[in-house]
Amino acid sequence: MVEVKRGRGRPRSSTLQPNVSTVQALDRGVLLLQALAQHNAASLSDLAMQVGMPASSAHRLLMTLQQHDFVDFDENTQLWQIGIEAFRVGSAYLTRTNFIDAARQPLRSLMELTGETANLAVMDTTEVVFVAQVETTNPVRAFFSAGTRALMHSSGIGKALLSQMPKRQLETLLHTAGLPQYTSQTLSSPAALYENLKVTAHRGWSFDQEERYEGMSCVGAAIRNAQGNLVGGLSVSGPSVRFDPLQVADIGLKVKAAADQVTLTLGGKV
């Protein structure tokens, strides 16, 4: 008997699982979207394995999402991709606030003043999420696609935010997120991180010296809104060879000035 191979985008069975509530289905659908957003494209089996559900269940949810254009399926490659409706819904977050608009010109100016890629990120619980970027024209440069996440202790913007948090909030956040080590420079011990944050708080800007990616450095500063809440930050990032210790302080002052400008535009106080 000859076995007919299934495409990677199709499950073995489409039988519905009993007793699956609407809330459970929604929760699983969101997990699939989050998993798919981490890849340009992914097979059904890979997605199902990543979120920990049967391929048949994942396929039903993906088919439902496809009907509403939240995901697409490529018949040729048998791979799933994020759909246009997911972009539209995600973009609604940016239109509900003038955060992006307030940072647009400071980002451009910061890139021109420093010659490095300028970034804007928002705070999301234990992480920062990059939402906008103005790339430098240098052939070797840093790049973060929109939606890229980073734990705060290993991010220039993240450390700038941590340095301004009340001690109890800081300890709770670090207890939740942990201090994973990415490079030999990562501040993966509480003592080392706290000492770094003390210096950061005093001068008003942070310095990420290859703490997330080897060979890449970053200088960041925090942004507050009209209510005085920490909401995100600005940074410049690039190859470490262009972040000379004698120049970092000057870069830091420029980054802080740009972040303060956004804070003032949002109605906050510097």
C-alpha atoms as a PDB file:
ATOM      1  CA  MET A   1       0.000   0.000   0.000  1.00  0.00           C
ATOM      2  CA  VAL A   2       1.337   3.409  -0.964  1.00  0.00           C
ATOM      3  CA  GLU A   3       1.210   6.054   1.749  1.00  0.00           C
ATOM      4  CA  VAL A   4       0.030   9.451   0.588  1.00  0.00           C
ATOM      5  CA  LYS A   5       2.005  12.193   2.328  1.00  0.00           C
ATOM      6  CA  ARG A   6       0.085  15.118   3.762  1.00  0.00           C
ATOM      7  CA  GLY A   7       1.139  18.715   3.182  1.00  0.00           C
ATOM      8  CA  ARG A   8       2.771  20.388   6.141  1.00  0.00           C
ATOM      9  CA  GLY A   9      -0.134  22.842   6.411  1.00  0.00           C
ATOM     10  CA  ARG A  10      -2.858  20.199   6.783  1.00  0.00           C
ATOM     11  CA  PRO A  11      -3.733  18.056   9.817  1.00  0.00           C
ATOM     12  CA  ARG A  12      -4.411  14.329   9.817  1.00  0.00           C
ATOM     13  CA  SER A  13      -7.962  14.834  11.067  1.00  0.00           C
ATOM     14  CA  SER A  14     -10.460  17.677  11.381  1.00  0.00           C
ATOM     15  CA  THR A  15     -12.591  16.051  14.080  1.00  0.00           C
ATOM     16  CA  LEU A  16     -13.689  18.623  16.644  1.00  0.00           C
ATOM     17  CA  GLN A  17     -12.582  18.132  20.200  1.00  0.00           C
ATOM     18  CA  PRO A  18     -15.460  17.945  22.661  1.00  0.00           C
ATOM     19  CA  ASN A  19     -15.991  20.344  25.553  1.00  0.00           C
ATOM     20  CA  VAL A  20     -13.747  23.101  24.191  1.00  0.00           C
ATOM     21  CA  SER A  21     -15.105  26.378  25.500  1.00  0.00           C
ATOM     22  CA  THR A  22     -15.117  29.618  23.540  1.00  0.00           C
ATOM     23  CA  VAL A  23     -12.635  31.164  25.973  1.00  0.00           C
ATOM     24  CA  GLN A  24     -10.217  28.269  25.544  1.00  0.00           C
ATOM     25  CA  ALA A  25     -10.465  28.547  21.779  1.00  0.00           C
ATOM     26  CA  LEU A  26      -9.793  32.271  21.886  1.00  0.00           C
ATOM     27  CA  ASP A  27      -6.838  31.759  24.195  1.00  0.00           C
ATOM     28  CA  ARG A  28      -5.343  29.142  21.892  1.00  0.00           C
ATOM     29  CA  GLY A  29      -5.953  31.307  18.842  1.00  0.00           C
ATOM     30  CA  VAL A  30      -4.037  34.154  20.447  1.00  0.00           C
ATOM     31  CA  LEU A  31      -1.181  31.780  21.321  1.00  0.00           C
ATOM     32  CA  LEU A  32      -1.014  30.703  17.679  1.00  0.00           C
ATOM     33  CA  LEU A  33      -0.912  34.308  16.479  1.00  0.00           C
ATOM     34  CA  GLN A  34       1.863  35.111  18.935  1.00  0.00           C
ATOM     35  CA  ALA A  35       3.849  32.063  17.835  1.00  0.00           C
ATOM     36  CA  LEU A  36       3.343  32.841  14.146  1.00  0.00           C
ATOM     37  CA  ALA A  37       4.437  36.451  14.684  1.00  0.00           C
ATOM     38  CA  GLN A  38       7.874  35.141  15.697  1.00  0.00           C
ATOM     39  CA  HIS A  39       8.415  33.657  12.229  1.00  0.00           C
ATOM     40  CA  ASN A  40       8.130  34.881   8.659  1.00  0.00           C
ATOM     41  CA  ALA A  41       6.343  31.637   7.916  1.00  0.00           C
ATOM     42  CA  ALA A  42       5.815  28.352   9.729  1.00  0.00           C
ATOM     43  CA  SER A  43       4.399  24.902   9.110  1.00  0.00           C
ATOM     44  CA  LEU A  44       1.359  23.591  10.934  1.00  0.00           C
ATOM     45  CA  SER A  45       3.382  20.966  12.770  1.00  0.00           C
ATOM     46  CA  ASP A  46       5.941  23.527  13.963  1.00  0.00           C
ATOM     47  CA  LEU A  47       3.229  25.898  15.218  1.00  0.00           C
ATOM     48  CA  ALA A  48       1.321  23.130  16.956  1.00  0.00           C
ATOM     49  CA  MET A  49       4.489  21.920  18.660  1.00  0.00           C
ATOM     50  CA  GLN A  50       5.473  25.439  19.745  1.00  0.00           C
ATOM     51  CA  VAL A  51       2.144  26.160  21.440  1.00  0.00           C
ATOM     52  CA  GLY A  52       1.660  22.602  22.696  1.00  0.00           C
ATOM     53  CA  MET A  53      -1.569  21.532  21.037  1.00  0.00           C
ATOM     54  CA  PRO A  54      -2.624  18.809  18.601  1.00  0.00           C
ATOM     55  CA  ALA A  55      -2.126  19.652  14.927  1.00  0.00           C
ATOM     56  CA  SER A  56      -5.850  19.108  14.275  1.00  0.00           C
ATOM     57  CA  SER A  57      -6.792  21.708  16.904  1.00  0.00           C
ATOM     58  CA  ALA A  58      -4.215  24.168  15.609  1.00  0.00           C
ATOM     59  CA  HIS A  59      -5.493  23.725  12.064  1.00  0.00           C
ATOM     60  CA  ARG A  60      -9.113  24.473  12.998  1.00  0.00           C
ATOM     61  CA  LEU A  61      -8.046  27.642  14.766  1.00  0.00           C
ATOM     62  CA  LEU A  62      -5.826  28.705  11.886  1.00  0.00           C
ATOM     63  CA  MET A  63      -8.660  28.134   9.416  1.00  0.00           C
ATOM     64  CA  THR A  64     -10.910  30.367  11.526  1.00  0.00           C
ATOM     65  CA  LEU A  65      -8.233  33.060  11.681  1.00  0.00           C
ATOM     66  CA  GLN A  66      -7.728  32.718   7.932  1.00  0.00           C
ATOM     67  CA  GLN A  67     -11.412  33.409   7.291  1.00  0.00           C
ATOM     68  CA  HIS A  68     -10.931  36.786   8.991  1.00  0.00           C
ATOM     69  CA  ASP A  69      -7.577  37.472   7.242  1.00  0.00           C
ATOM     70  CA  PHE A  70      -5.558  37.271  10.458  1.00  0.00           C
ATOM     71  CA  VAL A  71      -3.387  34.558   8.884  1.00  0.00           C
ATOM     72  CA  ASP A  72      -2.628  33.427   5.346  1.00  0.00           C
ATOM     73  CA  PHE A  73      -1.791  29.986   3.994  1.00  0.00           C
ATOM     74  CA  ASP A  74       0.603  29.508   1.065  1.00  0.00           C
ATOM     75  CA  GLU A  75      -0.523  26.497  -0.962  1.00  0.00           C
ATOM     76  CA  ASN A  76       2.851  26.225  -2.695  1.00  0.00           C
ATOM     77  CA  THR A  77       5.039  26.140   0.402  1.00  0.00           C
ATOM     78  CA  GLN A  78       2.383  24.722   2.745  1.00  0.00           C
ATOM     79  CA  LEU A  79       3.358  27.397   5.283  1.00  0.00           C
ATOM     80  CA  TRP A  80       1.265  29.758   7.403  1.00  0.00           C
ATOM     81  CA  GLN A  81       1.935  33.487   7.652  1.00  0.00           C
ATOM     82  CA  ILE A  82       0.542  36.510   9.505  1.00  0.00           C
ATOM     83  CA  GLY A  83      -2.319  38.126   7.552  1.00  0.00           C
ATOM     84  CA  ILE A  84      -3.182  41.720   6.744  1.00  0.00           C
ATOM     85  CA  GLU A  85      -5.938  41.974   9.360  1.00  0.00           C
ATOM     86  CA  ALA A  86      -3.427  41.286  12.128  1.00  0.00           C
ATOM     87  CA  PHE A  87      -1.484  44.296  10.889  1.00  0.00           C
ATOM     88  CA  ARG A  88      -4.606  46.477  10.862  1.00  0.00           C
ATOM     89  CA  VAL A  89      -5.546  45.502  14.419  1.00  0.00           C
ATOM     90  CA  GLY A  90      -1.984  45.935  15.665  1.00  0.00           C
ATOM     91  CA  SER A  91      -1.747  49.343  14.025  1.00  0.00           C
ATOM     92  CA  ALA A  92      -4.792  50.472  16.015  1.00  0.00           C
ATOM     93  CA  TYR A  93      -2.589  50.453  19.121  1.00  0.00           C
ATOM     94  CA  LEU A  94      -0.370  53.090  17.575  1.00  0.00           C
ATOM     95  CA  THR A  95      -3.280  55.302  16.543  1.00  0.00           C
ATOM     96  CA  ARG A  96      -4.830  55.379  20.020  1.00  0.00           C
ATOM     97  CA  THR A  97      -1.944  57.445  21.338  1.00  0.00           C
ATOM     98  CA  ASN A  98       0.228  60.274  20.055  1.00  0.00           C
ATOM     99  CA  PHE A  99       3.290  58.524  21.458  1.00  0.00           C
ATOM    100  CA  ILE A 100       4.644  57.655  18.007  1.00  0.00           C
ATOM    101  CA  ASP A 101       3.900  61.099  16.576  1.00  0.00           C
ATOM    102  CA  ALA A 102       5.560  62.802  19.539  1.00  0.00           C
ATOM    103  CA  ALA A 103       8.728  60.785  18.976  1.00  0.00           C
ATOM    104  CA  ARG A 104       8.909  60.999  15.198  1.00  0.00           C
ATOM    105  CA  GLN A 105      10.980  64.178  14.866  1.00  0.00           C
ATOM    106  CA  PRO A 106      13.200  63.526  17.917  1.00  0.00           C
ATOM    107  CA  LEU A 107      14.014  60.098  16.442  1.00  0.00           C
ATOM    108  CA  ARG A 108      15.013  61.637  13.121  1.00  0.00           C
ATOM    109  CA  SER A 109      17.095  64.340  14.809  1.00  0.00           C
ATOM    110  CA  LEU A 110      18.764  61.828  17.102  1.00  0.00           C
ATOM    111  CA  MET A 111      19.857  59.699  14.145  1.00  0.00           C
ATOM    112  CA  GLU A 112      21.252  62.765  12.366  1.00  0.00           C
ATOM    113  CA  LEU A 113      23.079  64.052  15.468  1.00  0.00           C
ATOM    114  CA  THR A 114      24.694  60.734  16.416  1.00  0.00           C
ATOM    115  CA  GLY A 115      24.966  58.998  13.066  1.00  0.00           C
ATOM    116  CA  GLU A 116      23.486  55.845  14.619  1.00  0.00           C
ATOM    117  CA  THR A 117      20.146  54.071  14.323  1.00  0.00           C
ATOM    118  CA  ALA A 118      17.535  55.644  16.621  1.00  0.00           C
ATOM    119  CA  ASN A 119      14.894  53.459  18.287  1.00  0.00           C
ATOM    120  CA  LEU A 120      11.599  53.957  20.106  1.00  0.00           C
ATOM    121  CA  ALA A 121      10.250  51.277  22.453  1.00  0.00           C
ATOM    122  CA  VAL A 122       7.273  50.981  24.790  1.00  0.00           C
ATOM    123  CA  MET A 123       7.225  49.236  28.150  1.00  0.00           C
ATOM    124  CA  ASP A 124       5.208  46.016  28.372  1.00  0.00           C
ATOM    125  CA  THR A 125       5.336  44.402  31.845  1.00  0.00           C
ATOM    126  CA  THR A 126       8.836  42.858  32.030  1.00  0.00           C
ATOM    127  CA  GLU A 127       9.926  43.762  28.493  1.00  0.00           C
ATOM    128  CA  VAL A 128      10.373  46.630  26.102  1.00  0.00           C
ATOM    129  CA  VAL A 129       8.789  46.379  22.648  1.00  0.00           C
ATOM    130  CA  PHE A 130      10.351  48.285  19.766  1.00  0.00           C
ATOM    131  CA  VAL A 131       7.682  50.165  17.819  1.00  0.00           C
ATOM    132  CA  ALA A 132       9.602  52.608  15.599  1.00  0.00           C
ATOM    133  CA  GLN A 133      13.081  53.126  14.216  1.00  0.00           C
ATOM    134  CA  VAL A 134      15.037  55.552  12.037  1.00  0.00           C
ATOM    135  CA  GLU A 135      17.966  53.749  10.462  1.00  0.00           C
ATOM    136  CA  THR A 136      21.359  55.330   9.943  1.00  0.00           C
ATOM    137  CA  THR A 137      22.866  55.405   6.473  1.00  0.00           C
ATOM    138  CA  ASN A 138      26.007  53.654   7.729  1.00  0.00           C
ATOM    139  CA  PRO A 139      26.460  50.331   5.899  1.00  0.00           C
ATOM    140  CA  VAL A 140      26.986  48.495   9.216  1.00  0.00           C
ATOM    141  CA  ARG A 141      24.124  49.317  11.560  1.00  0.00           C
ATOM    142  CA  ALA A 142      21.699  47.979  14.139  1.00  0.00           C
ATOM    143  CA  PHE A 143      18.206  46.909  13.130  1.00  0.00           C
ATOM    144  CA  PHE A 144      15.165  45.950  15.209  1.00  0.00           C
ATOM    145  CA  SER A 145      11.974  45.056  13.382  1.00  0.00           C
ATOM    146  CA  ALA A 146       8.745  46.477  14.806  1.00  0.00           C
ATOM    147  CA  GLY A 147       7.484  44.197  17.563  1.00  0.00           C
ATOM    148  CA  THR A 148      10.939  42.997  18.646  1.00  0.00           C
ATOM    149  CA  ARG A 149      10.994  42.397  22.401  1.00  0.00           C
ATOM    150  CA  ALA A 150      13.819  42.511  24.919  1.00  0.00           C
ATOM    151  CA  LEU A 151      14.028  41.894  28.637  1.00  0.00           C
ATOM    152  CA  MET A 152      14.809  45.154  30.387  1.00  0.00           C
ATOM    153  CA  HIS A 153      18.061  44.202  32.102  1.00  0.00           C
ATOM    154  CA  SER A 154      19.718  43.561  28.720  1.00  0.00           C
ATOM    155  CA  SER A 155      18.389  46.607  26.871  1.00  0.00           C
ATOM    156  CA  GLY A 156      19.508  50.224  26.830  1.00  0.00           C
ATOM    157  CA  ILE A 157      15.934  51.511  27.009  1.00  0.00           C
ATOM    158  CA  GLY A 158      15.060  48.798  29.513  1.00  0.00           C
ATOM    159  CA  LYS A 159      17.846  49.752  31.900  1.00  0.00           C
ATOM    160  CA  ALA A 160      16.890  53.421  31.624  1.00  0.00           C
ATOM    161  CA  LEU A 161      13.363  52.477  32.694  1.00  0.00           C
ATOM    162  CA  LEU A 162      14.519  50.183  35.499  1.00  0.00           C
ATOM    163  CA  SER A 163      16.720  52.925  36.904  1.00  0.00           C
ATOM    164  CA  GLN A 164      13.695  55.160  37.503  1.00  0.00           C
ATOM    165  CA  MET A 165      11.388  52.591  39.068  1.00  0.00           C
ATOM    166  CA  PRO A 166      10.564  52.473  42.797  1.00  0.00           C
ATOM    167  CA  LYS A 167      12.577  49.745  44.527  1.00  0.00           C
ATOM    168  CA  ARG A 168       9.570  47.492  45.206  1.00  0.00           C
ATOM    169  CA  GLN A 169       8.407  47.649  41.577  1.00  0.00           C
ATOM    170  CA  LEU A 170      11.943  46.984  40.376  1.00  0.00           C
ATOM    171  CA  GLU A 171      12.383  43.946  42.612  1.00  0.00           C
ATOM    172  CA  THR A 172       8.995  42.511  41.624  1.00  0.00           C
ATOM    173  CA  LEU A 173       9.764  42.924  37.930  1.00  0.00           C
ATOM    174  CA  LEU A 174      13.191  41.310  38.163  1.00  0.00           C
ATOM    175  CA  HIS A 175      11.825  38.456  40.273  1.00  0.00           C
ATOM    176  CA  THR A 176       9.260  37.785  37.550  1.00  0.00           C
ATOM    177  CA  ALA A 177      11.562  38.124  34.549  1.00  0.00           C
ATOM    178  CA  GLY A 178      14.806  36.771  35.956  1.00  0.00           C
ATOM    179  CA  LEU A 179      18.246  37.806  34.734  1.00  0.00           C
ATOM    180  CA  PRO A 180      19.149  35.484  31.849  1.00  0.00           C
ATOM    181  CA  GLN A 181      22.665  35.913  30.473  1.00  0.00           C
ATOM    182  CA  TYR A 182      23.006  36.539  26.728  1.00  0.00           C
ATOM    183  CA  THR A 183      26.677  37.522  26.481  1.00  0.00           C
ATOM    184  CA  SER A 184      29.659  37.682  28.803  1.00  0.00           C
ATOM    185  CA  GLN A 185      28.743  41.345  29.396  1.00  0.00           C
ATOM    186  CA  THR A 186      25.137  40.764  30.483  1.00  0.00           C
ATOM    187  CA  LEU A 187      24.393  42.033  33.988  1.00  0.00           C
ATOM    188  CA  SER A 188      23.034  38.718  35.194  1.00  0.00           C
ATOM    189  CA  SER A 189      23.574  39.224  38.931  1.00  0.00           C
ATOM    190  CA  PRO A 190      21.376  41.545  41.033  1.00  0.00           C
ATOM    191  CA  ALA A 191      24.415  43.262  42.590  1.00  0.00           C
ATOM    192  CA  ALA A 192      25.963  44.135  39.218  1.00  0.00           C
ATOM    193  CA  LEU A 193      22.643  45.311  37.801  1.00  0.00           C
ATOM    194  CA  TYR A 194      21.755  47.461  40.812  1.00  0.00           C
ATOM    195  CA  GLU A 195      25.157  49.166  40.714  1.00  0.00           C
ATOM    196  CA  ASN A 196      24.707  49.887  37.019  1.00  0.00           C
ATOM    197  CA  LEU A 197      21.186  51.232  37.569  1.00  0.00           C
ATOM    198  CA  LYS A 198      22.450  53.545  40.315  1.00  0.00           C
ATOM    199  CA  VAL A 199      24.897  55.147  37.876  1.00  0.00           C
ATOM    200  CA  THR A 200      22.224  55.255  35.172  1.00  0.00           C
ATOM    201  CA  ALA A 201      19.744  57.020  37.446  1.00  0.00           C
ATOM    202  CA  HIS A 202      22.334  59.633  38.433  1.00  0.00           C
ATOM    203  CA  ARG A 203      23.266  60.645  34.885  1.00  0.00           C
ATOM    204  CA  GLY A 204      19.833  60.111  33.268  1.00  0.00           C
ATOM    205  CA  TRP A 205      20.865  57.739  30.464  1.00  0.00           C
ATOM    206  CA  SER A 206      21.908  54.099  30.208  1.00  0.00           C
ATOM    207  CA  PHE A 207      24.725  52.327  28.398  1.00  0.00           C
ATOM    208  CA  ASP A 208      24.224  48.799  27.087  1.00  0.00           C
ATOM    209  CA  GLN A 209      27.756  47.638  26.294  1.00  0.00           C
ATOM    210  CA  GLU A 210      27.290  44.376  24.375  1.00  0.00           C
ATOM    211  CA  GLU A 211      24.915  43.108  27.055  1.00  0.00           C
ATOM    212  CA  ARG A 212      22.391  41.665  24.583  1.00  0.00           C
ATOM    213  CA  TYR A 213      24.359  41.201  21.370  1.00  0.00           C
ATOM    214  CA  GLU A 214      28.111  40.801  21.040  1.00  0.00           C
ATOM    215  CA  GLY A 215      29.651  43.635  19.071  1.00  0.00           C
ATOM    216  CA  MET A 216      26.610  45.920  19.483  1.00  0.00           C
ATOM    217  CA  SER A 217      26.113  48.743  21.981  1.00  0.00           C
ATOM    218  CA  CYS A 218      23.227  51.028  22.861  1.00  0.00           C
ATOM    219  CA  VAL A 219      22.533  54.225  24.813  1.00  0.00           C
ATOM    220  CA  GLY A 220      18.973  54.833  26.071  1.00  0.00           C
ATOM    221  CA  ALA A 221      16.792  57.213  28.080  1.00  0.00           C
ATOM    222  CA  ALA A 222      13.286  56.936  29.514  1.00  0.00           C
ATOM    223  CA  ILE A 223      10.053  58.712  28.528  1.00  0.00           C
ATOM    224  CA  ARG A 224       7.150  59.600  30.841  1.00  0.00           C
ATOM    225  CA  ASN A 225       3.582  60.582  29.978  1.00  0.00           C
ATOM    226  CA  ALA A 226       1.389  63.400  31.302  1.00  0.00           C
ATOM    227  CA  GLN A 227       0.557  61.336  34.398  1.00  0.00           C
ATOM    228  CA  GLY A 228       4.237  60.895  35.210  1.00  0.00           C
ATOM    229  CA  ASN A 229       4.199  57.188  34.364  1.00  0.00           C
ATOM    230  CA  LEU A 230       7.115  55.492  32.637  1.00  0.00           C
ATOM    231  CA  VAL A 231       5.876  54.498  29.180  1.00  0.00           C
ATOM    232  CA  GLY A 232       8.948  53.784  27.071  1.00  0.00           C
ATOM    233  CA  GLY A 233      12.178  55.253  25.864  1.00  0.00           C
ATOM    234  CA  LEU A 234      14.499  56.318  23.070  1.00  0.00           C
ATOM    235  CA  SER A 235      17.893  54.874  22.226  1.00  0.00           C
ATOM    236  CA  VAL A 236      20.625  54.839  19.624  1.00  0.00           C
ATOM    237  CA  SER A 237      22.355  51.587  18.797  1.00  0.00           C
ATOM    238  CA  GLY A 238      25.169  50.400  16.583  1.00  0.00           C
ATOM    239  CA  PRO A 239      28.503  48.577  16.410  1.00  0.00           C
ATOM    240  CA  SER A 240      30.505  48.900  19.625  1.00  0.00           C
ATOM    241  CA  VAL A 241      33.548  50.186  17.741  1.00  0.00           C
ATOM    242  CA  ARG A 242      31.606  53.401  17.113  1.00  0.00           C
ATOM    243  CA  PHE A 243      30.715  53.823  20.815  1.00  0.00           C
ATOM    244  CA  ASP A 244      34.061  55.090  22.030  1.00  0.00           C
ATOM    245  CA  PRO A 245      34.080  55.542  25.837  1.00  0.00           C
ATOM    246  CA  LEU A 246      35.102  59.182  25.358  1.00  0.00           C
ATOM    247  CA  GLN A 247      32.074  59.791  23.126  1.00  0.00           C
ATOM    248  CA  VAL A 248      29.429  57.822  24.986  1.00  0.00           C
ATOM    249  CA  ALA A 249      28.739  60.634  27.467  1.00  0.00           C
ATOM    250  CA  ASP A 250      28.046  63.059  24.617  1.00  0.00           C
ATOM    251  CA  ILE A 251      25.759  60.518  22.955  1.00  0.00           C
ATOM    252  CA  GLY A 252      24.003  59.968  26.278  1.00  0.00           C
ATOM    253  CA  LEU A 253      23.233  63.676  26.668  1.00  0.00           C
ATOM    254  CA  LYS A 254      21.785  63.787  23.146  1.00  0.00           C
ATOM    255  CA  VAL A 255      19.619  60.708  23.788  1.00  0.00           C
ATOM    256  CA  LYS A 256      18.367  62.117  27.091  1.00  0.00           C
ATOM    257  CA  ALA A 257      17.549  65.468  25.470  1.00  0.00           C
ATOM    258  CA  ALA A 258      15.532  63.694  22.758  1.00  0.00           C
ATOM    259  CA  ALA A 259      13.667  61.554  25.311  1.00  0.00           C
ATOM    260  CA  ASP A 260      12.942  64.639  27.426  1.00  0.00           C
ATOM    261  CA  GLN A 261      11.525  66.354  24.354  1.00  0.00           C
ATOM    262  CA  VAL A 262       9.075  63.484  23.842  1.00  0.00           C
ATOM    263  CA  THR A 263       8.124  63.580  27.540  1.00  0.00           C
ATOM    264  CA  LEU A 264       7.367  67.299  27.301  1.00  0.00           C
ATOM    265  CA  THR A 265       5.342  66.819  24.111  1.00  0.00           C
ATOM    266  CA  LEU A 266       3.247  64.192  25.916  1.00  0.00           C
ATOM    267  CA  GLY A 267       2.584  66.671  28.705  1.00  0.00           C
ATOM    268  CA  GLY A 268       4.998  65.111  31.162  1.00  0.00           C
ATOM    269  CA  LYS A 269       7.569  66.787  33.386  1.00  0.00           C
ATOM    270  CA  VAL A 270      11.332  66.418  33.018  1.00  0.00           C
END
